[in-house]
Amino acid sequence: MTDPILTAHNLEKHFGENKAVQGVSFQIARGEIYSLLGPNGAGKTTTISMLTGLLAPTHGDATIDGHSVVKNVNDVKQVIGVVPQEIALYPTISARENLTFWGRMYGLSGKRLAQRVDAALEIAGLADRATDKVDTFSGGMKRRINIAVGLLHEPKIIFMDEPTVGIDPQSRRRILDTVKELNAQGMAVLYTTHYMEEAEELSHRIGIIDHGQLIAQGTLAELTKTVGENDTIQLTLDTGEQAVTDTAASVQQLPGVAKAYGENGHMIVQAAHANAALPGILSHLAGAGVTVKALQVQEPDLEAVFLHLTGRALRD
């Protein structure tokens, strides 16, 4: 990767005996959306806190636009925007007053400040509510103003920590579209989430983090290849476990079936194209007098990758 905007090398953060983040290393290219995907408590927020200067790393370092987060944290803060997971707004003053306050904290003033506040309100889609107090806003609207604050000084990279948690679908959709629009304008984004569909939609590359360790990273296509390119069909049969195993052996001989086996009382079938293979599988089972009580089809996705890497579902 030539001239990355961010390089994290062996970042670690210990709280006593608790190693919240362990040896995390990754890069983000200029103009790239990189998502850190993992469950709550995986170390996403701690990683962002180290990268933004809120926490000093126990070990390791990161450079952002050439500045070390350990040695030159004030320089780092000039080139980054931060959208924290918690709402960082004053509820009893207006959206414009909030943005003006935070703009001054970034060192903006005069005409430049007014221009950036207007631009931020437009990005948030709340120019018509500029003079309304923040405590009259919905949760989604507060999130959008939270994002606008992080954009006031036109950062080179923005850190967005779970920006869609706890909001309605319409506001969530607007935030995702905003992220894509910002990226289309050339801004790099570090986006943390535990929603697989967000990482799949937004990201150029994805890092999967669990128990403080970055366990895999790459494009969506690269990650899904780690679990193979076959669809997985899970069938619940009205039969005993041994019969499931015996039936699976016969199903494996069918056209389009790559593998079939029994697992926890279910029959698992892997096929390159589930929709094409299913009619033959169901016909075969019916001919054998086996009743299918339920079936589920899973295409290769981040859920399958996480399950493959950790042995459990992301939502567990």
C-alpha atoms as a PDB file:
ATOM      1  CA  MET A   1       0.000   0.000   0.000  1.00  0.00           C
ATOM      2  CA  THR A   2       1.642   3.250  -1.126  1.00  0.00           C
ATOM      3  CA  ASP A   3       1.547   6.221   1.255  1.00  0.00           C
ATOM      4  CA  PRO A   4      -1.219   5.055   3.623  1.00  0.00           C
ATOM      5  CA  ILE A   5      -3.049   7.710   5.614  1.00  0.00           C
ATOM      6  CA  LEU A   6      -2.892   5.456   8.716  1.00  0.00           C
ATOM      7  CA  THR A   7      -0.517   2.716   9.814  1.00  0.00           C
ATOM      8  CA  ALA A   8      -1.081   0.959  13.139  1.00  0.00           C
ATOM      9  CA  HIS A   9       1.760  -1.268  14.316  1.00  0.00           C
ATOM     10  CA  ASN A  10       1.414  -3.742  17.171  1.00  0.00           C
ATOM     11  CA  LEU A  11      -1.004  -1.595  19.191  1.00  0.00           C
ATOM     12  CA  GLU A  12      -1.702  -2.900  22.668  1.00  0.00           C
ATOM     13  CA  LYS A  13      -3.641  -1.563  25.626  1.00  0.00           C
ATOM     14  CA  HIS A  14      -3.564  -3.200  29.032  1.00  0.00           C
ATOM     15  CA  PHE A  15      -5.747  -2.308  31.994  1.00  0.00           C
ATOM     16  CA  GLY A  16      -3.986  -4.134  34.800  1.00  0.00           C
ATOM     17  CA  GLU A  17      -4.159  -7.818  33.920  1.00  0.00           C
ATOM     18  CA  ASN A  18      -6.789  -7.213  31.247  1.00  0.00           C
ATOM     19  CA  LYS A  19      -5.313  -7.001  27.738  1.00  0.00           C
ATOM     20  CA  ALA A  20      -8.076  -5.067  26.010  1.00  0.00           C
ATOM     21  CA  VAL A  21      -6.165  -4.809  22.701  1.00  0.00           C
ATOM     22  CA  GLN A  22      -3.335  -7.147  21.742  1.00  0.00           C
ATOM     23  CA  GLY A  23      -0.888  -6.604  18.894  1.00  0.00           C
ATOM     24  CA  VAL A  24      -3.252  -4.915  16.433  1.00  0.00           C
ATOM     25  CA  SER A  25      -1.647  -3.900  13.124  1.00  0.00           C
ATOM     26  CA  PHE A  26      -3.322  -2.589   9.974  1.00  0.00           C
ATOM     27  CA  GLN A  27      -3.146   0.166   7.365  1.00  0.00           C
ATOM     28  CA  ILE A  28      -5.732   2.417   5.757  1.00  0.00           C
ATOM     29  CA  ALA A  29      -5.136   3.899   2.315  1.00  0.00           C
ATOM     30  CA  ARG A  30      -6.015   7.462   1.501  1.00  0.00           C
ATOM     31  CA  GLY A  31      -9.619   7.535   0.327  1.00  0.00           C
ATOM     32  CA  GLU A  32     -10.416   4.085   1.771  1.00  0.00           C
ATOM     33  CA  ILE A  33     -13.236   2.931   4.061  1.00  0.00           C
ATOM     34  CA  TYR A  34     -11.807   0.395   6.514  1.00  0.00           C
ATOM     35  CA  SER A  35     -14.230  -1.242   8.936  1.00  0.00           C
ATOM     36  CA  LEU A  36     -13.358  -2.842  12.253  1.00  0.00           C
ATOM     37  CA  LEU A  37     -16.026  -5.516  12.708  1.00  0.00           C
ATOM     38  CA  GLY A  38     -16.536  -7.325  15.974  1.00  0.00           C
ATOM     39  CA  PRO A  39     -18.918  -7.912  18.882  1.00  0.00           C
ATOM     40  CA  ASN A  40     -19.329  -5.557  21.808  1.00  0.00           C
ATOM     41  CA  GLY A  41     -16.246  -5.691  24.004  1.00  0.00           C
ATOM     42  CA  ALA A  42     -13.973  -6.838  21.168  1.00  0.00           C
ATOM     43  CA  GLY A  43     -11.615  -3.853  21.474  1.00  0.00           C
ATOM     44  CA  LYS A  44     -12.946  -1.576  18.724  1.00  0.00           C
ATOM     45  CA  THR A  45     -13.476   1.525  20.865  1.00  0.00           C
ATOM     46  CA  THR A  46     -10.196   1.005  22.733  1.00  0.00           C
ATOM     47  CA  THR A  47      -8.374   0.834  19.388  1.00  0.00           C
ATOM     48  CA  ILE A  48      -9.977   4.082  18.201  1.00  0.00           C
ATOM     49  CA  SER A  49      -9.209   5.713  21.551  1.00  0.00           C
ATOM     50  CA  MET A  50      -5.507   4.963  21.074  1.00  0.00           C
ATOM     51  CA  LEU A  51      -5.533   6.190  17.483  1.00  0.00           C
ATOM     52  CA  THR A  52      -7.195   9.476  18.444  1.00  0.00           C
ATOM     53  CA  GLY A  53      -4.995  10.237  21.452  1.00  0.00           C
ATOM     54  CA  LEU A  54      -7.609   9.567  24.126  1.00  0.00           C
ATOM     55  CA  LEU A  55      -5.626   6.608  25.453  1.00  0.00           C
ATOM     56  CA  ALA A  56      -1.867   6.100  25.349  1.00  0.00           C
ATOM     57  CA  PRO A  57      -0.896   2.675  23.963  1.00  0.00           C
ATOM     58  CA  THR A  58       0.746   0.281  26.409  1.00  0.00           C
ATOM     59  CA  HIS A  59       2.848  -0.965  23.490  1.00  0.00           C
ATOM     60  CA  GLY A  60       3.113  -0.130  19.812  1.00  0.00           C
ATOM     61  CA  ASP A  61       2.429   3.017  17.837  1.00  0.00           C
ATOM     62  CA  ALA A  62       0.472   4.341  14.889  1.00  0.00           C
ATOM     63  CA  THR A  63       1.163   7.072  12.367  1.00  0.00           C
ATOM     64  CA  ILE A  64      -1.603   9.174  10.855  1.00  0.00           C
ATOM     65  CA  ASP A  65      -0.651  11.375   7.900  1.00  0.00           C
ATOM     66  CA  GLY A  66       2.953  10.920   9.013  1.00  0.00           C
ATOM     67  CA  HIS A  67       2.396  11.844  12.686  1.00  0.00           C
ATOM     68  CA  SER A  68       2.948   9.421  15.572  1.00  0.00           C
ATOM     69  CA  VAL A  69       0.058   9.024  18.018  1.00  0.00           C
ATOM     70  CA  VAL A  70       2.667   8.469  20.742  1.00  0.00           C
ATOM     71  CA  LYS A  71       5.100  11.288  19.943  1.00  0.00           C
ATOM     72  CA  ASN A  72       3.016  13.854  18.023  1.00  0.00           C
ATOM     73  CA  VAL A  73      -0.547  13.481  19.260  1.00  0.00           C
ATOM     74  CA  ASN A  74      -1.354  17.197  18.866  1.00  0.00           C
ATOM     75  CA  ASP A  75      -0.398  17.017  15.180  1.00  0.00           C
ATOM     76  CA  VAL A  76      -2.550  13.912  14.813  1.00  0.00           C
ATOM     77  CA  LYS A  77      -5.575  15.735  16.200  1.00  0.00           C
ATOM     78  CA  GLN A  78      -5.281  18.399  13.489  1.00  0.00           C
ATOM     79  CA  VAL A  79      -5.865  15.889  10.671  1.00  0.00           C
ATOM     80  CA  ILE A  80      -8.486  13.560  12.174  1.00  0.00           C
ATOM     81  CA  GLY A  81     -12.201  13.852  12.804  1.00  0.00           C
ATOM     82  CA  VAL A  82     -13.816  11.819  15.573  1.00  0.00           C
ATOM     83  CA  VAL A  83     -17.415  10.661  15.879  1.00  0.00           C
ATOM     84  CA  PRO A  84     -17.647   8.977  19.310  1.00  0.00           C
ATOM     85  CA  GLN A  85     -20.134   6.270  20.162  1.00  0.00           C
ATOM     86  CA  GLU A  86     -21.685   8.500  22.801  1.00  0.00           C
ATOM     87  CA  ILE A  87     -23.468  11.721  21.793  1.00  0.00           C
ATOM     88  CA  ALA A  88     -21.071  14.638  22.476  1.00  0.00           C
ATOM     89  CA  LEU A  89     -23.521  17.542  22.230  1.00  0.00           C
ATOM     90  CA  TYR A  90     -25.022  20.150  24.556  1.00  0.00           C
ATOM     91  CA  PRO A  91     -28.759  19.366  24.615  1.00  0.00           C
ATOM     92  CA  THR A  92     -30.083  22.768  25.742  1.00  0.00           C
ATOM     93  CA  ILE A  93     -28.585  24.820  22.907  1.00  0.00           C
ATOM     94  CA  SER A  94     -29.283  24.683  19.185  1.00  0.00           C
ATOM     95  CA  ALA A  95     -27.607  22.592  16.521  1.00  0.00           C
ATOM     96  CA  ARG A  96     -25.912  25.685  15.099  1.00  0.00           C
ATOM     97  CA  GLU A  97     -24.696  26.775  18.540  1.00  0.00           C
ATOM     98  CA  ASN A  98     -23.270  23.301  19.166  1.00  0.00           C
ATOM     99  CA  LEU A  99     -21.435  23.299  15.857  1.00  0.00           C
ATOM    100  CA  THR A 100     -20.160  26.834  16.422  1.00  0.00           C
ATOM    101  CA  PHE A 101     -18.811  25.878  19.847  1.00  0.00           C
ATOM    102  CA  TRP A 102     -17.013  22.794  18.545  1.00  0.00           C
ATOM    103  CA  GLY A 103     -15.755  24.712  15.506  1.00  0.00           C
ATOM    104  CA  ARG A 104     -14.073  27.205  17.803  1.00  0.00           C
ATOM    105  CA  MET A 105     -12.528  24.295  19.706  1.00  0.00           C
ATOM    106  CA  TYR A 106     -10.979  23.261  16.377  1.00  0.00           C
ATOM    107  CA  GLY A 107      -9.558  26.779  15.988  1.00  0.00           C
ATOM    108  CA  LEU A 108     -12.059  28.024  13.411  1.00  0.00           C
ATOM    109  CA  SER A 109     -13.390  31.574  13.567  1.00  0.00           C
ATOM    110  CA  GLY A 110     -15.100  34.335  11.620  1.00  0.00           C
ATOM    111  CA  LYS A 111     -16.336  33.736   8.093  1.00  0.00           C
ATOM    112  CA  ARG A 112     -14.552  30.386   7.843  1.00  0.00           C
ATOM    113  CA  LEU A 113     -16.343  29.118  10.927  1.00  0.00           C
ATOM    114  CA  ALA A 114     -19.750  30.223   9.643  1.00  0.00           C
ATOM    115  CA  GLN A 115     -19.114  28.553   6.276  1.00  0.00           C
ATOM    116  CA  ARG A 116     -18.082  25.261   7.871  1.00  0.00           C
ATOM    117  CA  VAL A 117     -21.090  25.253  10.230  1.00  0.00           C
ATOM    118  CA  ASP A 118     -23.437  25.773   7.269  1.00  0.00           C
ATOM    119  CA  ALA A 119     -21.688  23.006   5.319  1.00  0.00           C
ATOM    120  CA  ALA A 120     -21.868  20.617   8.262  1.00  0.00           C
ATOM    121  CA  LEU A 121     -25.592  21.268   8.714  1.00  0.00           C
ATOM    122  CA  GLU A 122     -26.118  20.478   5.024  1.00  0.00           C
ATOM    123  CA  ILE A 123     -24.168  17.244   5.323  1.00  0.00           C
ATOM    124  CA  ALA A 124     -26.315  16.277   8.304  1.00  0.00           C
ATOM    125  CA  GLY A 125     -29.469  17.172   6.388  1.00  0.00           C
ATOM    126  CA  LEU A 126     -30.581  19.419   9.240  1.00  0.00           C
ATOM    127  CA  ALA A 127     -30.145  22.949   7.877  1.00  0.00           C
ATOM    128  CA  ASP A 128     -33.874  23.520   8.401  1.00  0.00           C
ATOM    129  CA  ARG A 129     -33.512  22.616  12.103  1.00  0.00           C
ATOM    130  CA  ALA A 130     -30.369  24.676  12.719  1.00  0.00           C
ATOM    131  CA  THR A 131     -31.925  26.899  15.398  1.00  0.00           C
ATOM    132  CA  ASP A 132     -33.759  24.124  17.235  1.00  0.00           C
ATOM    133  CA  LYS A 133     -32.416  22.869  20.534  1.00  0.00           C
ATOM    134  CA  VAL A 134     -30.701  19.491  20.343  1.00  0.00           C
ATOM    135  CA  ASP A 135     -32.914  18.030  23.068  1.00  0.00           C
ATOM    136  CA  THR A 136     -35.868  18.322  20.661  1.00  0.00           C
ATOM    137  CA  PHE A 137     -34.118  16.041  18.136  1.00  0.00           C
ATOM    138  CA  SER A 138     -34.659  12.327  17.637  1.00  0.00           C
ATOM    139  CA  GLY A 139     -31.832   9.931  18.393  1.00  0.00           C
ATOM    140  CA  GLY A 140     -31.002   9.661  14.702  1.00  0.00           C
ATOM    141  CA  MET A 141     -30.858  13.441  14.279  1.00  0.00           C
ATOM    142  CA  LYS A 142     -28.506  13.746  17.254  1.00  0.00           C
ATOM    143  CA  ARG A 143     -26.272  11.122  15.661  1.00  0.00           C
ATOM    144  CA  ARG A 144     -26.178  13.120  12.433  1.00  0.00           C
ATOM    145  CA  ILE A 145     -25.159  16.322  14.256  1.00  0.00           C
ATOM    146  CA  ASN A 146     -22.558  14.245  16.119  1.00  0.00           C
ATOM    147  CA  ILE A 147     -21.092  13.307  12.738  1.00  0.00           C
ATOM    148  CA  ALA A 148     -21.275  16.929  11.539  1.00  0.00           C
ATOM    149  CA  VAL A 149     -19.094  18.018  14.492  1.00  0.00           C
ATOM    150  CA  GLY A 150     -16.339  15.657  13.377  1.00  0.00           C
ATOM    151  CA  LEU A 151     -16.358  17.158   9.868  1.00  0.00           C
ATOM    152  CA  LEU A 152     -16.126  20.850  10.758  1.00  0.00           C
ATOM    153  CA  HIS A 153     -12.368  21.201  10.205  1.00  0.00           C
ATOM    154  CA  GLU A 154     -12.314  19.062   7.029  1.00  0.00           C
ATOM    155  CA  PRO A 155     -10.198  16.205   8.385  1.00  0.00           C
ATOM    156  CA  LYS A 156      -8.183  13.876   6.174  1.00  0.00           C
ATOM    157  CA  ILE A 157      -9.580  10.810   7.932  1.00  0.00           C
ATOM    158  CA  ILE A 158     -12.644  10.418  10.127  1.00  0.00           C
ATOM    159  CA  PHE A 159     -13.097   7.831  12.888  1.00  0.00           C
ATOM    160  CA  MET A 160     -16.702   6.707  13.341  1.00  0.00           C
ATOM    161  CA  ASP A 161     -17.352   4.487  16.346  1.00  0.00           C
ATOM    162  CA  GLU A 162     -20.650   2.563  16.025  1.00  0.00           C
ATOM    163  CA  PRO A 163     -22.479   5.631  14.631  1.00  0.00           C
ATOM    164  CA  THR A 164     -25.792   3.841  13.961  1.00  0.00           C
ATOM    165  CA  VAL A 165     -26.369   2.140  17.307  1.00  0.00           C
ATOM    166  CA  GLY A 166     -29.871   2.608  18.678  1.00  0.00           C
ATOM    167  CA  ILE A 167     -31.397   4.653  15.863  1.00  0.00           C
ATOM    168  CA  ASP A 168     -34.320   4.182  13.495  1.00  0.00           C
ATOM    169  CA  PRO A 169     -33.843   2.577  10.045  1.00  0.00           C
ATOM    170  CA  GLN A 170     -34.365   5.845   8.140  1.00  0.00           C
ATOM    171  CA  SER A 171     -31.662   7.681  10.115  1.00  0.00           C
ATOM    172  CA  ARG A 172     -29.372   4.685   9.797  1.00  0.00           C
ATOM    173  CA  ARG A 173     -29.815   4.719   6.031  1.00  0.00           C
ATOM    174  CA  ARG A 174     -28.979   8.420   5.896  1.00  0.00           C
ATOM    175  CA  ILE A 175     -25.814   7.936   7.941  1.00  0.00           C
ATOM    176  CA  LEU A 176     -24.602   5.091   5.721  1.00  0.00           C
ATOM    177  CA  ASP A 177     -25.256   7.214   2.633  1.00  0.00           C
ATOM    178  CA  THR A 178     -23.364  10.105   4.255  1.00  0.00           C
ATOM    179  CA  VAL A 179     -20.351   7.869   4.860  1.00  0.00           C
ATOM    180  CA  LYS A 180     -20.345   6.840   1.205  1.00  0.00           C
ATOM    181  CA  GLU A 181     -20.714  10.457   0.046  1.00  0.00           C
ATOM    182  CA  LEU A 182     -17.802  11.595   2.211  1.00  0.00           C
ATOM    183  CA  ASN A 183     -15.678   8.776   0.857  1.00  0.00           C
ATOM    184  CA  ALA A 184     -16.635   9.653  -2.726  1.00  0.00           C
ATOM    185  CA  GLN A 185     -15.180  13.104  -2.011  1.00  0.00           C
ATOM    186  CA  GLY A 186     -11.860  11.477  -1.064  1.00  0.00           C
ATOM    187  CA  MET A 187     -12.089  11.174   2.711  1.00  0.00           C
ATOM    188  CA  ALA A 188     -10.675   8.093   4.417  1.00  0.00           C
ATOM    189  CA  VAL A 189     -12.912   6.476   7.034  1.00  0.00           C
ATOM    190  CA  LEU A 190     -12.247   4.113   9.935  1.00  0.00           C
ATOM    191  CA  TYR A 191     -15.668   2.701  10.786  1.00  0.00           C
ATOM    192  CA  THR A 192     -16.394   0.381  13.699  1.00  0.00           C
ATOM    193  CA  THR A 193     -19.512  -1.753  13.815  1.00  0.00           C
ATOM    194  CA  HIS A 194     -20.968  -5.044  14.982  1.00  0.00           C
ATOM    195  CA  TYR A 195     -23.468  -5.016  12.103  1.00  0.00           C
ATOM    196  CA  MET A 196     -22.190  -7.295   9.341  1.00  0.00           C
ATOM    197  CA  GLU A 197     -24.442  -5.756   6.711  1.00  0.00           C
ATOM    198  CA  GLU A 198     -22.910  -2.313   7.328  1.00  0.00           C
ATOM    199  CA  ALA A 199     -19.368  -3.629   6.929  1.00  0.00           C
ATOM    200  CA  GLU A 200     -20.370  -5.501   3.779  1.00  0.00           C
ATOM    201  CA  GLU A 201     -22.017  -2.443   2.223  1.00  0.00           C
ATOM    202  CA  LEU A 202     -19.492   0.250   3.121  1.00  0.00           C
ATOM    203  CA  SER A 203     -16.038  -1.229   3.248  1.00  0.00           C
ATOM    204  CA  HIS A 204     -13.181  -1.441   0.823  1.00  0.00           C
ATOM    205  CA  ARG A 205     -11.501  -3.645   3.414  1.00  0.00           C
ATOM    206  CA  ILE A 206     -12.607  -5.165   6.717  1.00  0.00           C
ATOM    207  CA  GLY A 207     -10.695  -6.112   9.848  1.00  0.00           C
ATOM    208  CA  ILE A 208     -12.357  -8.692  12.100  1.00  0.00           C
ATOM    209  CA  ILE A 209     -11.516  -8.099  15.751  1.00  0.00           C
ATOM    210  CA  ASP A 210     -12.353 -10.357  18.679  1.00  0.00           C
ATOM    211  CA  HIS A 211     -11.069 -10.463  22.266  1.00  0.00           C
ATOM    212  CA  GLY A 212      -8.721  -7.587  21.473  1.00  0.00           C
ATOM    213  CA  GLN A 213      -7.014  -9.327  18.553  1.00  0.00           C
ATOM    214  CA  LEU A 214      -7.294  -8.614  14.830  1.00  0.00           C
ATOM    215  CA  ILE A 215      -7.924 -12.151  13.620  1.00  0.00           C
ATOM    216  CA  ALA A 216      -8.418 -11.493   9.893  1.00  0.00           C
ATOM    217  CA  GLN A 217      -8.507  -8.622   7.425  1.00  0.00           C
ATOM    218  CA  GLY A 218      -9.035  -8.124   3.724  1.00  0.00           C
ATOM    219  CA  THR A 219     -11.690  -7.338   1.157  1.00  0.00           C
ATOM    220  CA  LEU A 220     -15.098  -8.979   1.529  1.00  0.00           C
ATOM    221  CA  ALA A 221     -14.215 -11.359  -1.317  1.00  0.00           C
ATOM    222  CA  GLU A 222     -10.891 -12.268   0.299  1.00  0.00           C
ATOM    223  CA  LEU A 223     -12.488 -12.924   3.679  1.00  0.00           C
ATOM    224  CA  THR A 224     -15.356 -15.045   2.367  1.00  0.00           C
ATOM    225  CA  LYS A 225     -12.878 -17.203   0.453  1.00  0.00           C
ATOM    226  CA  THR A 226     -11.541 -18.373   3.816  1.00  0.00           C
ATOM    227  CA  VAL A 227     -14.737 -20.381   4.274  1.00  0.00           C
ATOM    228  CA  GLY A 228     -14.883 -21.549   0.670  1.00  0.00           C
ATOM    229  CA  GLU A 229     -17.109 -20.420  -2.143  1.00  0.00           C
ATOM    230  CA  ASN A 230     -19.939 -22.900  -1.574  1.00  0.00           C
ATOM    231  CA  ASP A 231     -23.390 -22.095  -0.238  1.00  0.00           C
ATOM    232  CA  THR A 232     -24.373 -23.991   2.902  1.00  0.00           C
ATOM    233  CA  ILE A 233     -27.786 -25.668   3.253  1.00  0.00           C
ATOM    234  CA  GLN A 234     -28.874 -26.821   6.696  1.00  0.00           C
ATOM    235  CA  LEU A 235     -31.754 -29.301   6.719  1.00  0.00           C
ATOM    236  CA  THR A 236     -33.641 -30.476   9.791  1.00  0.00           C
ATOM    237  CA  LEU A 237     -34.960 -33.953   9.074  1.00  0.00           C
ATOM    238  CA  ASP A 238     -37.689 -35.950  10.758  1.00  0.00           C
ATOM    239  CA  THR A 239     -35.350 -38.822  11.525  1.00  0.00           C
ATOM    240  CA  GLY A 240     -32.710 -40.023  13.961  1.00  0.00           C
ATOM    241  CA  GLU A 241     -29.096 -38.881  14.063  1.00  0.00           C
ATOM    242  CA  GLN A 242     -27.674 -42.061  12.520  1.00  0.00           C
ATOM    243  CA  ALA A 243     -30.250 -41.869   9.739  1.00  0.00           C
ATOM    244  CA  VAL A 244     -29.171 -38.274   9.082  1.00  0.00           C
ATOM    245  CA  THR A 245     -25.588 -39.460   8.607  1.00  0.00           C
ATOM    246  CA  ASP A 246     -26.659 -42.284   6.314  1.00  0.00           C
ATOM    247  CA  THR A 247     -28.903 -39.993   4.270  1.00  0.00           C
ATOM    248  CA  ALA A 248     -26.134 -37.417   3.939  1.00  0.00           C
ATOM    249  CA  ALA A 249     -23.890 -40.048   2.362  1.00  0.00           C
ATOM    250  CA  SER A 250     -26.439 -40.612  -0.400  1.00  0.00           C
ATOM    251  CA  VAL A 251     -27.122 -36.880  -0.868  1.00  0.00           C
ATOM    252  CA  GLN A 252     -23.403 -36.285  -1.426  1.00  0.00           C
ATOM    253  CA  GLN A 253     -23.650 -38.287  -4.659  1.00  0.00           C
ATOM    254  CA  LEU A 254     -26.219 -35.892  -6.154  1.00  0.00           C
ATOM    255  CA  PRO A 255     -25.345 -33.447  -8.960  1.00  0.00           C
ATOM    256  CA  GLY A 256     -24.197 -30.028  -7.714  1.00  0.00           C
ATOM    257  CA  VAL A 257     -23.459 -31.236  -4.158  1.00  0.00           C
ATOM    258  CA  ALA A 258     -19.874 -30.677  -3.039  1.00  0.00           C
ATOM    259  CA  LYS A 259     -20.239 -32.172   0.430  1.00  0.00           C
ATOM    260  CA  ALA A 260     -22.965 -33.491   2.733  1.00  0.00           C
ATOM    261  CA  TYR A 261     -22.649 -34.605   6.350  1.00  0.00           C
ATOM    262  CA  GLY A 262     -24.510 -34.817   9.657  1.00  0.00           C
ATOM    263  CA  GLU A 263     -23.864 -32.237  12.382  1.00  0.00           C
ATOM    264  CA  ASN A 264     -25.739 -31.891  15.696  1.00  0.00           C
ATOM    265  CA  GLY A 265     -28.695 -33.810  14.295  1.00  0.00           C
ATOM    266  CA  HIS A 266     -28.920 -31.674  11.149  1.00  0.00           C
ATOM    267  CA  MET A 267     -27.811 -32.480   7.629  1.00  0.00           C
ATOM    268  CA  ILE A 268     -25.350 -29.931   6.259  1.00  0.00           C
ATOM    269  CA  VAL A 269     -25.005 -29.718   2.481  1.00  0.00           C
ATOM    270  CA  GLN A 270     -22.438 -27.566   0.687  1.00  0.00           C
ATOM    271  CA  ALA A 271     -23.151 -26.672  -2.930  1.00  0.00           C
ATOM    272  CA  ALA A 272     -21.763 -24.157  -5.396  1.00  0.00           C
ATOM    273  CA  HIS A 273     -25.300 -22.966  -6.151  1.00  0.00           C
ATOM    274  CA  ALA A 274     -27.889 -23.829  -3.505  1.00  0.00           C
ATOM    275  CA  ASN A 275     -30.881 -22.814  -5.631  1.00  0.00           C
ATOM    276  CA  ALA A 276     -29.826 -25.177  -8.406  1.00  0.00           C
ATOM    277  CA  ALA A 277     -29.040 -28.089  -6.084  1.00  0.00           C
ATOM    278  CA  LEU A 278     -32.067 -27.867  -3.771  1.00  0.00           C
ATOM    279  CA  PRO A 279     -34.757 -29.339  -6.091  1.00  0.00           C
ATOM    280  CA  GLY A 280     -32.698 -32.491  -6.600  1.00  0.00           C
ATOM    281  CA  ILE A 281     -31.920 -32.765  -2.877  1.00  0.00           C
ATOM    282  CA  LEU A 282     -35.560 -32.390  -1.845  1.00  0.00           C
ATOM    283  CA  SER A 283     -36.732 -34.840  -4.518  1.00  0.00           C
ATOM    284  CA  HIS A 284     -34.158 -37.383  -3.367  1.00  0.00           C
ATOM    285  CA  LEU A 285     -35.203 -37.034   0.280  1.00  0.00           C
ATOM    286  CA  ALA A 286     -38.883 -37.347  -0.593  1.00  0.00           C
ATOM    287  CA  GLY A 287     -38.155 -40.492  -2.601  1.00  0.00           C
ATOM    288  CA  ALA A 288     -36.323 -41.930   0.378  1.00  0.00           C
ATOM    289  CA  GLY A 289     -39.300 -41.226   2.624  1.00  0.00           C
ATOM    290  CA  VAL A 290     -37.453 -38.569   4.632  1.00  0.00           C
ATOM    291  CA  THR A 291     -39.446 -35.522   5.727  1.00  0.00           C
ATOM    292  CA  VAL A 292     -37.745 -32.122   5.822  1.00  0.00           C
ATOM    293  CA  LYS A 293     -38.974 -30.181   8.852  1.00  0.00           C
ATOM    294  CA  ALA A 294     -36.957 -27.012   8.155  1.00  0.00           C
ATOM    295  CA  LEU A 295     -34.176 -25.755   5.945  1.00  0.00           C
ATOM    296  CA  GLN A 296     -31.899 -22.740   5.884  1.00  0.00           C
ATOM    297  CA  VAL A 297     -29.583 -21.507   3.133  1.00  0.00           C
ATOM    298  CA  GLN A 298     -26.504 -19.454   3.921  1.00  0.00           C
ATOM    299  CA  GLU A 299     -24.330 -17.905   1.242  1.00  0.00           C
ATOM    300  CA  PRO A 300     -20.680 -17.188   2.105  1.00  0.00           C
ATOM    301  CA  ASP A 301     -20.739 -13.971   4.176  1.00  0.00           C
ATOM    302  CA  LEU A 302     -19.079 -12.294   7.130  1.00  0.00           C
ATOM    303  CA  GLU A 303     -21.228 -14.266   9.574  1.00  0.00           C
ATOM    304  CA  ALA A 304     -19.824 -17.481   8.124  1.00  0.00           C
ATOM    305  CA  VAL A 305     -16.297 -16.048   8.272  1.00  0.00           C
ATOM    306  CA  PHE A 306     -16.676 -15.036  11.927  1.00  0.00           C
ATOM    307  CA  LEU A 307     -18.145 -18.445  12.803  1.00  0.00           C
ATOM    308  CA  HIS A 308     -15.291 -20.166  10.988  1.00  0.00           C
ATOM    309  CA  LEU A 309     -12.631 -18.087  12.764  1.00  0.00           C
ATOM    310  CA  THR A 310     -14.074 -18.044  16.293  1.00  0.00           C
ATOM    311  CA  GLY A 311     -16.393 -21.023  16.517  1.00  0.00           C
ATOM    312  CA  ARG A 312     -19.386 -18.851  17.362  1.00  0.00           C
ATOM    313  CA  ALA A 313     -21.787 -16.457  15.639  1.00  0.00           C
ATOM    314  CA  LEU A 314     -21.034 -12.730  15.729  1.00  0.00           C
ATOM    315  CA  ARG A 315     -24.326 -12.066  17.538  1.00  0.00           C
ATOM    316  CA  ASP A 316     -23.633 -14.552  20.341  1.00  0.00           C
END
